[in-house]
């Protein structure tokens, strides 16, 4: 039995994984959905990494799954904990020493998002409904928090202090219908920063809410590959 440690993106709500975690457990693995203090203006990347590492505790068979902003937490955890595999899901992929605030300009994320919106015929100006919730079922949203946690600024200004990505299996997984980080943008960033090709599954940016089975199936396939 392996342990999947599930790290949410901006806002840090463990609730984001509530449709994925039971599927992982049903397959005979442990699933730990980490809750992060995203709205705490005094908590940054180092604090996030500490929280994830405490959740890992003494476990050694760990698969780290990082969604969106959690891509900046992932390398900090990997250098301090016995992570066997990392999966970056619609994730921001940092370079050593980079801040999450600088990442947008360095990668051209906003320009890529606006170009994709123009091509595909939806609003170029960001709003939550268009870019995050367009494929999430309404009944799922009704079970969620009335006021989703907002991400404070602190995490965007703290450098991601690591020297290199670890020499472990790293999978870059993108949702085909992600409007926030369009798949062609994610593909370029994965090649430039990790030298890796991404894999695709159906869904949008919040794919753990819109396509939990598809995401879980892929995570379990990665684990089986690792166990061989």
C-alpha atoms as a PDB file:
ATOM      1  CA  UNK A   1       0.000   0.000   0.000  1.00  0.00           C
ATOM      2  CA  UNK A   2       1.308   3.415  -0.953  1.00  0.00           C
ATOM      3  CA  UNK A   3       0.407   6.857   0.316  1.00  0.00           C
ATOM      4  CA  UNK A   4      -0.813   9.599  -1.961  1.00  0.00           C
ATOM      5  CA  UNK A   5      -0.206  13.020  -0.408  1.00  0.00           C
ATOM      6  CA  UNK A   6      -2.540  15.461  -2.126  1.00  0.00           C
ATOM      7  CA  UNK A   7      -1.564  19.139  -2.021  1.00  0.00           C
ATOM      8  CA  UNK A   8      -4.107  21.749  -3.171  1.00  0.00           C
ATOM      9  CA  UNK A   9      -3.421  24.919  -5.111  1.00  0.00           C
ATOM     10  CA  UNK A  10      -4.325  28.506  -4.271  1.00  0.00           C
ATOM     11  CA  UNK A  11      -6.471  28.790  -1.167  1.00  0.00           C
ATOM     12  CA  UNK A  12      -5.062  25.548   0.219  1.00  0.00           C
ATOM     13  CA  UNK A  13      -8.369  23.803   0.909  1.00  0.00           C
ATOM     14  CA  UNK A  14      -8.122  20.054   1.418  1.00  0.00           C
ATOM     15  CA  UNK A  15     -11.768  19.935   0.300  1.00  0.00           C
ATOM     16  CA  UNK A  16     -10.510  20.221  -3.271  1.00  0.00           C
ATOM     17  CA  UNK A  17      -9.514  16.544  -3.096  1.00  0.00           C
ATOM     18  CA  UNK A  18     -12.734  15.237  -1.523  1.00  0.00           C
ATOM     19  CA  UNK A  19     -13.795  13.382  -4.684  1.00  0.00           C
ATOM     20  CA  UNK A  20     -10.362  11.861  -5.358  1.00  0.00           C
ATOM     21  CA  UNK A  21      -9.311  10.694  -1.887  1.00  0.00           C
ATOM     22  CA  UNK A  22     -12.128   8.112  -1.457  1.00  0.00           C
ATOM     23  CA  UNK A  23     -11.324   6.593  -4.858  1.00  0.00           C
ATOM     24  CA  UNK A  24      -7.674   6.199  -3.914  1.00  0.00           C
ATOM     25  CA  UNK A  25      -8.644   4.564  -0.618  1.00  0.00           C
ATOM     26  CA  UNK A  26     -11.063   2.230  -2.400  1.00  0.00           C
ATOM     27  CA  UNK A  27      -8.113   1.036  -4.492  1.00  0.00           C
ATOM     28  CA  UNK A  28      -6.273   0.016  -1.313  1.00  0.00           C
ATOM     29  CA  UNK A  29      -3.986   3.008  -0.828  1.00  0.00           C
ATOM     30  CA  UNK A  30      -3.760   5.737   1.759  1.00  0.00           C
ATOM     31  CA  UNK A  31      -4.787   9.253   0.732  1.00  0.00           C
ATOM     32  CA  UNK A  32      -3.842  12.332   2.736  1.00  0.00           C
ATOM     33  CA  UNK A  33      -5.411  15.598   1.590  1.00  0.00           C
ATOM     34  CA  UNK A  34      -3.343  18.399   3.092  1.00  0.00           C
ATOM     35  CA  UNK A  35      -4.984  21.627   4.237  1.00  0.00           C
ATOM     36  CA  UNK A  36      -2.842  24.759   3.891  1.00  0.00           C
ATOM     37  CA  UNK A  37      -3.351  28.210   5.432  1.00  0.00           C
ATOM     38  CA  UNK A  38      -3.718  29.939   2.100  1.00  0.00           C
ATOM     39  CA  UNK A  39      -5.391  33.007   3.577  1.00  0.00           C
ATOM     40  CA  UNK A  40      -2.687  33.547   6.220  1.00  0.00           C
ATOM     41  CA  UNK A  41      -0.598  36.545   5.160  1.00  0.00           C
ATOM     42  CA  UNK A  42       2.258  35.306   7.376  1.00  0.00           C
ATOM     43  CA  UNK A  43       2.528  31.866   5.779  1.00  0.00           C
ATOM     44  CA  UNK A  44       4.631  31.250   2.699  1.00  0.00           C
ATOM     45  CA  UNK A  45       6.237  28.379   0.840  1.00  0.00           C
ATOM     46  CA  UNK A  46       8.453  27.250   3.718  1.00  0.00           C
ATOM     47  CA  UNK A  47       5.420  27.009   6.002  1.00  0.00           C
ATOM     48  CA  UNK A  48       3.490  25.083   3.370  1.00  0.00           C
ATOM     49  CA  UNK A  49       6.366  22.629   2.974  1.00  0.00           C
ATOM     50  CA  UNK A  50       6.579  22.152   6.746  1.00  0.00           C
ATOM     51  CA  UNK A  51       2.858  21.322   6.889  1.00  0.00           C
ATOM     52  CA  UNK A  52       3.108  18.771   4.085  1.00  0.00           C
ATOM     53  CA  UNK A  53       6.165  17.157   5.657  1.00  0.00           C
ATOM     54  CA  UNK A  54       4.377  16.863   8.999  1.00  0.00           C
ATOM     55  CA  UNK A  55       1.504  15.149   7.184  1.00  0.00           C
ATOM     56  CA  UNK A  56       3.942  12.685   5.625  1.00  0.00           C
ATOM     57  CA  UNK A  57       5.436  11.975   9.084  1.00  0.00           C
ATOM     58  CA  UNK A  58       7.370   8.692   9.008  1.00  0.00           C
ATOM     59  CA  UNK A  59       5.817   7.316   5.834  1.00  0.00           C
ATOM     60  CA  UNK A  60       8.302   6.211   3.194  1.00  0.00           C
ATOM     61  CA  UNK A  61       6.178   5.051   0.238  1.00  0.00           C
ATOM     62  CA  UNK A  62       4.929   8.522  -0.718  1.00  0.00           C
ATOM     63  CA  UNK A  63       3.472   9.746  -4.005  1.00  0.00           C
ATOM     64  CA  UNK A  64       3.234  13.539  -3.924  1.00  0.00           C
ATOM     65  CA  UNK A  65       0.452  15.092  -6.005  1.00  0.00           C
ATOM     66  CA  UNK A  66       0.625  18.870  -6.439  1.00  0.00           C
ATOM     67  CA  UNK A  67      -2.158  20.935  -8.007  1.00  0.00           C
ATOM     68  CA  UNK A  68      -1.556  24.357  -9.623  1.00  0.00           C
ATOM     69  CA  UNK A  69       0.236  26.665  -7.134  1.00  0.00           C
ATOM     70  CA  UNK A  70       1.364  23.587  -5.164  1.00  0.00           C
ATOM     71  CA  UNK A  71       3.945  23.040  -7.890  1.00  0.00           C
ATOM     72  CA  UNK A  72       6.008  25.561  -5.921  1.00  0.00           C
ATOM     73  CA  UNK A  73       5.698  23.524  -2.729  1.00  0.00           C
ATOM     74  CA  UNK A  74       6.544  20.203  -4.387  1.00  0.00           C
ATOM     75  CA  UNK A  75      10.341  20.573  -4.804  1.00  0.00           C
ATOM     76  CA  UNK A  76      10.697  21.847  -1.235  1.00  0.00           C
ATOM     77  CA  UNK A  77       8.953  18.751   0.077  1.00  0.00           C
ATOM     78  CA  UNK A  78      10.877  16.405  -2.210  1.00  0.00           C
ATOM     79  CA  UNK A  79      14.256  17.568  -0.915  1.00  0.00           C
ATOM     80  CA  UNK A  80      13.290  16.889   2.714  1.00  0.00           C
ATOM     81  CA  UNK A  81      10.952  13.884   2.622  1.00  0.00           C
ATOM     82  CA  UNK A  82      11.164  10.359   1.147  1.00  0.00           C
ATOM     83  CA  UNK A  83       9.008  11.061  -1.889  1.00  0.00           C
ATOM     84  CA  UNK A  84       9.128   8.243  -4.433  1.00  0.00           C
ATOM     85  CA  UNK A  85       7.155   9.968  -7.162  1.00  0.00           C
ATOM     86  CA  UNK A  86       5.775  13.439  -7.877  1.00  0.00           C
ATOM     87  CA  UNK A  87       2.770  14.267 -10.041  1.00  0.00           C
ATOM     88  CA  UNK A  88       2.257  17.881 -11.101  1.00  0.00           C
ATOM     89  CA  UNK A  89      -1.389  18.506 -12.027  1.00  0.00           C
ATOM     90  CA  UNK A  90      -2.132  21.689 -14.001  1.00  0.00           C
ATOM     91  CA  UNK A  91       0.817  22.958 -12.025  1.00  0.00           C
ATOM     92  CA  UNK A  92       3.092  25.962 -11.863  1.00  0.00           C
ATOM     93  CA  UNK A  93       6.583  24.553 -12.412  1.00  0.00           C
ATOM     94  CA  UNK A  94       9.243  26.688 -10.707  1.00  0.00           C
ATOM     95  CA  UNK A  95      12.894  27.141 -11.445  1.00  0.00           C
ATOM     96  CA  UNK A  96      15.284  27.199  -8.472  1.00  0.00           C
ATOM     97  CA  UNK A  97      15.023  30.462  -6.566  1.00  0.00           C
ATOM     98  CA  UNK A  98      12.017  31.722  -8.502  1.00  0.00           C
ATOM     99  CA  UNK A  99       9.022  33.315  -6.810  1.00  0.00           C
ATOM    100  CA  UNK A 100       5.475  32.400  -7.706  1.00  0.00           C
ATOM    101  CA  UNK A 101       4.883  36.096  -8.367  1.00  0.00           C
ATOM    102  CA  UNK A 102       7.665  36.244 -10.976  1.00  0.00           C
ATOM    103  CA  UNK A 103       6.605  32.972 -12.582  1.00  0.00           C
ATOM    104  CA  UNK A 104       3.735  34.578 -14.497  1.00  0.00           C
ATOM    105  CA  UNK A 105       5.942  36.950 -16.428  1.00  0.00           C
ATOM    106  CA  UNK A 106       8.786  34.485 -16.846  1.00  0.00           C
ATOM    107  CA  UNK A 107       6.537  31.889 -18.460  1.00  0.00           C
ATOM    108  CA  UNK A 108       4.142  34.212 -20.307  1.00  0.00           C
ATOM    109  CA  UNK A 109       1.189  32.629 -18.523  1.00  0.00           C
ATOM    110  CA  UNK A 110      -1.250  35.527 -18.849  1.00  0.00           C
ATOM    111  CA  UNK A 111      -0.517  36.083 -22.516  1.00  0.00           C
ATOM    112  CA  UNK A 112      -0.965  32.358 -23.213  1.00  0.00           C
ATOM    113  CA  UNK A 113      -4.280  32.351 -21.330  1.00  0.00           C
ATOM    114  CA  UNK A 114      -5.622  35.352 -23.238  1.00  0.00           C
ATOM    115  CA  UNK A 115      -4.558  33.974 -26.620  1.00  0.00           C
ATOM    116  CA  UNK A 116      -6.299  30.683 -25.874  1.00  0.00           C
ATOM    117  CA  UNK A 117      -9.456  32.533 -24.819  1.00  0.00           C
ATOM    118  CA  UNK A 118      -9.522  34.511 -28.062  1.00  0.00           C
ATOM    119  CA  UNK A 119      -9.078  31.370 -30.146  1.00  0.00           C
ATOM    120  CA  UNK A 120     -11.744  29.429 -28.271  1.00  0.00           C
ATOM    121  CA  UNK A 121     -14.313  32.186 -27.884  1.00  0.00           C
ATOM    122  CA  UNK A 122     -14.647  32.919 -24.176  1.00  0.00           C
ATOM    123  CA  UNK A 123     -13.805  36.038 -22.154  1.00  0.00           C
ATOM    124  CA  UNK A 124     -10.144  37.051 -22.005  1.00  0.00           C
ATOM    125  CA  UNK A 125     -10.666  38.822 -18.685  1.00  0.00           C
ATOM    126  CA  UNK A 126     -10.329  36.414 -15.791  1.00  0.00           C
ATOM    127  CA  UNK A 127     -13.321  35.429 -13.699  1.00  0.00           C
ATOM    128  CA  UNK A 128     -13.739  32.374 -11.506  1.00  0.00           C
ATOM    129  CA  UNK A 129     -16.798  30.972 -13.274  1.00  0.00           C
ATOM    130  CA  UNK A 130     -15.224  31.073 -16.737  1.00  0.00           C
ATOM    131  CA  UNK A 131     -11.773  29.841 -15.846  1.00  0.00           C
ATOM    132  CA  UNK A 132     -12.234  27.543 -12.850  1.00  0.00           C
ATOM    133  CA  UNK A 133     -15.837  26.372 -12.634  1.00  0.00           C
ATOM    134  CA  UNK A 134     -16.947  25.946 -16.250  1.00  0.00           C
ATOM    135  CA  UNK A 135     -16.828  22.135 -16.104  1.00  0.00           C
ATOM    136  CA  UNK A 136     -17.445  21.497 -12.374  1.00  0.00           C
ATOM    137  CA  UNK A 137     -20.920  20.014 -11.729  1.00  0.00           C
ATOM    138  CA  UNK A 138     -23.274  22.277  -9.824  1.00  0.00           C
ATOM    139  CA  UNK A 139     -24.075  19.605  -7.260  1.00  0.00           C
ATOM    140  CA  UNK A 140     -20.373  19.391  -6.427  1.00  0.00           C
ATOM    141  CA  UNK A 141     -20.148  23.135  -5.968  1.00  0.00           C
ATOM    142  CA  UNK A 142     -23.157  23.087  -3.663  1.00  0.00           C
ATOM    143  CA  UNK A 143     -21.314  20.742  -1.291  1.00  0.00           C
ATOM    144  CA  UNK A 144     -18.325  23.056  -1.090  1.00  0.00           C
ATOM    145  CA  UNK A 145     -17.540  25.989   1.161  1.00  0.00           C
ATOM    146  CA  UNK A 146     -19.832  28.993   0.841  1.00  0.00           C
ATOM    147  CA  UNK A 147     -16.815  31.289   0.699  1.00  0.00           C
ATOM    148  CA  UNK A 148     -13.746  29.613  -0.853  1.00  0.00           C
ATOM    149  CA  UNK A 149     -10.499  30.505   0.867  1.00  0.00           C
ATOM    150  CA  UNK A 150      -8.547  33.260  -0.861  1.00  0.00           C
ATOM    151  CA  UNK A 151      -4.781  33.012  -1.296  1.00  0.00           C
ATOM    152  CA  UNK A 152      -2.810  35.686   0.577  1.00  0.00           C
ATOM    153  CA  UNK A 153       0.085  37.485  -1.093  1.00  0.00           C
ATOM    154  CA  UNK A 154       2.863  36.059   1.085  1.00  0.00           C
ATOM    155  CA  UNK A 155       3.406  32.879  -0.892  1.00  0.00           C
ATOM    156  CA  UNK A 156       3.948  34.783  -4.151  1.00  0.00           C
ATOM    157  CA  UNK A 157       6.923  36.732  -2.869  1.00  0.00           C
ATOM    158  CA  UNK A 158       8.932  33.951  -1.225  1.00  0.00           C
ATOM    159  CA  UNK A 159      11.676  32.380  -3.373  1.00  0.00           C
ATOM    160  CA  UNK A 160      11.349  28.667  -3.992  1.00  0.00           C
ATOM    161  CA  UNK A 161      14.600  27.598  -2.369  1.00  0.00           C
ATOM    162  CA  UNK A 162      15.781  24.395  -3.997  1.00  0.00           C
ATOM    163  CA  UNK A 163      18.776  23.538  -6.179  1.00  0.00           C
ATOM    164  CA  UNK A 164      17.308  21.030  -8.603  1.00  0.00           C
ATOM    165  CA  UNK A 165      14.323  18.807  -9.118  1.00  0.00           C
ATOM    166  CA  UNK A 166      14.906  15.372  -7.549  1.00  0.00           C
ATOM    167  CA  UNK A 167      15.953  12.314  -9.500  1.00  0.00           C
ATOM    168  CA  UNK A 168      12.647  10.513  -9.052  1.00  0.00           C
ATOM    169  CA  UNK A 169       9.787   9.839 -11.476  1.00  0.00           C
ATOM    170  CA  UNK A 170       8.024  13.152 -12.118  1.00  0.00           C
ATOM    171  CA  UNK A 171       4.828  13.167 -14.139  1.00  0.00           C
ATOM    172  CA  UNK A 172       3.346  16.319 -15.620  1.00  0.00           C
ATOM    173  CA  UNK A 173      -0.397  15.911 -16.024  1.00  0.00           C
ATOM    174  CA  UNK A 174      -2.582  18.504 -17.723  1.00  0.00           C
ATOM    175  CA  UNK A 175      -6.328  18.707 -18.169  1.00  0.00           C
ATOM    176  CA  UNK A 176      -7.269  19.181 -21.832  1.00  0.00           C
ATOM    177  CA  UNK A 177      -9.873  21.839 -21.103  1.00  0.00           C
ATOM    178  CA  UNK A 178      -7.881  23.889 -18.613  1.00  0.00           C
ATOM    179  CA  UNK A 179      -8.633  27.515 -19.450  1.00  0.00           C
ATOM    180  CA  UNK A 180      -6.398  29.004 -16.760  1.00  0.00           C
ATOM    181  CA  UNK A 181      -3.232  27.201 -17.879  1.00  0.00           C
ATOM    182  CA  UNK A 182      -4.029  26.101 -21.458  1.00  0.00           C
ATOM    183  CA  UNK A 183      -2.627  22.704 -22.314  1.00  0.00           C
ATOM    184  CA  UNK A 184      -0.325  24.015 -25.051  1.00  0.00           C
ATOM    185  CA  UNK A 185       1.162  26.445 -22.519  1.00  0.00           C
ATOM    186  CA  UNK A 186       1.647  23.674 -19.972  1.00  0.00           C
ATOM    187  CA  UNK A 187       3.311  21.528 -22.611  1.00  0.00           C
ATOM    188  CA  UNK A 188       5.862  24.244 -23.406  1.00  0.00           C
ATOM    189  CA  UNK A 189       6.658  24.959 -19.752  1.00  0.00           C
ATOM    190  CA  UNK A 190       7.089  21.248 -18.967  1.00  0.00           C
ATOM    191  CA  UNK A 191       9.563  20.882 -21.816  1.00  0.00           C
ATOM    192  CA  UNK A 192      11.494  24.039 -20.987  1.00  0.00           C
ATOM    193  CA  UNK A 193      11.715  23.562 -17.238  1.00  0.00           C
ATOM    194  CA  UNK A 194      11.719  19.806 -16.714  1.00  0.00           C
ATOM    195  CA  UNK A 195      12.552  18.416 -20.145  1.00  0.00           C
ATOM    196  CA  UNK A 196       9.395  16.320 -19.907  1.00  0.00           C
ATOM    197  CA  UNK A 197       6.378  15.643 -22.066  1.00  0.00           C
ATOM    198  CA  UNK A 198       3.053  16.097 -20.368  1.00  0.00           C
ATOM    199  CA  UNK A 199       0.144  13.707 -20.415  1.00  0.00           C
ATOM    200  CA  UNK A 200      -3.472  14.791 -20.817  1.00  0.00           C
ATOM    201  CA  UNK A 201      -6.796  13.831 -19.283  1.00  0.00           C
ATOM    202  CA  UNK A 202     -10.234  15.368 -19.785  1.00  0.00           C
ATOM    203  CA  UNK A 203     -11.180  18.207 -17.476  1.00  0.00           C
ATOM    204  CA  UNK A 204     -10.528  21.816 -16.567  1.00  0.00           C
ATOM    205  CA  UNK A 205      -8.205  23.514 -14.107  1.00  0.00           C
ATOM    206  CA  UNK A 206     -10.014  22.053 -11.074  1.00  0.00           C
ATOM    207  CA  UNK A 207      -9.865  18.564 -12.536  1.00  0.00           C
ATOM    208  CA  UNK A 208     -10.077  16.813  -9.144  1.00  0.00           C
ATOM    209  CA  UNK A 209     -13.604  18.236  -8.872  1.00  0.00           C
ATOM    210  CA  UNK A 210     -14.701  17.824 -12.481  1.00  0.00           C
ATOM    211  CA  UNK A 211     -13.094  14.489 -13.386  1.00  0.00           C
ATOM    212  CA  UNK A 212     -12.052  12.710 -10.180  1.00  0.00           C
ATOM    213  CA  UNK A 213     -12.184   9.226 -11.682  1.00  0.00           C
ATOM    214  CA  UNK A 214     -10.052  10.157 -14.669  1.00  0.00           C
ATOM    215  CA  UNK A 215      -7.487  11.787 -12.425  1.00  0.00           C
ATOM    216  CA  UNK A 216      -7.489   8.931  -9.920  1.00  0.00           C
ATOM    217  CA  UNK A 217      -7.148   6.312 -12.652  1.00  0.00           C
ATOM    218  CA  UNK A 218      -4.064   8.086 -13.940  1.00  0.00           C
ATOM    219  CA  UNK A 219      -2.538   8.424 -10.469  1.00  0.00           C
ATOM    220  CA  UNK A 220      -3.078   4.733  -9.801  1.00  0.00           C
ATOM    221  CA  UNK A 221      -1.526   3.856 -13.171  1.00  0.00           C
ATOM    222  CA  UNK A 222       1.555   5.857 -12.223  1.00  0.00           C
ATOM    223  CA  UNK A 223       1.747   4.005  -8.912  1.00  0.00           C
ATOM    224  CA  UNK A 224       1.503   0.623 -10.629  1.00  0.00           C
ATOM    225  CA  UNK A 225       4.279   1.620 -12.981  1.00  0.00           C
ATOM    226  CA  UNK A 226       6.410   2.640 -10.011  1.00  0.00           C
ATOM    227  CA  UNK A 227       5.786  -0.675  -8.226  1.00  0.00           C
ATOM    228  CA  UNK A 228       7.062  -2.838 -11.063  1.00  0.00           C
END
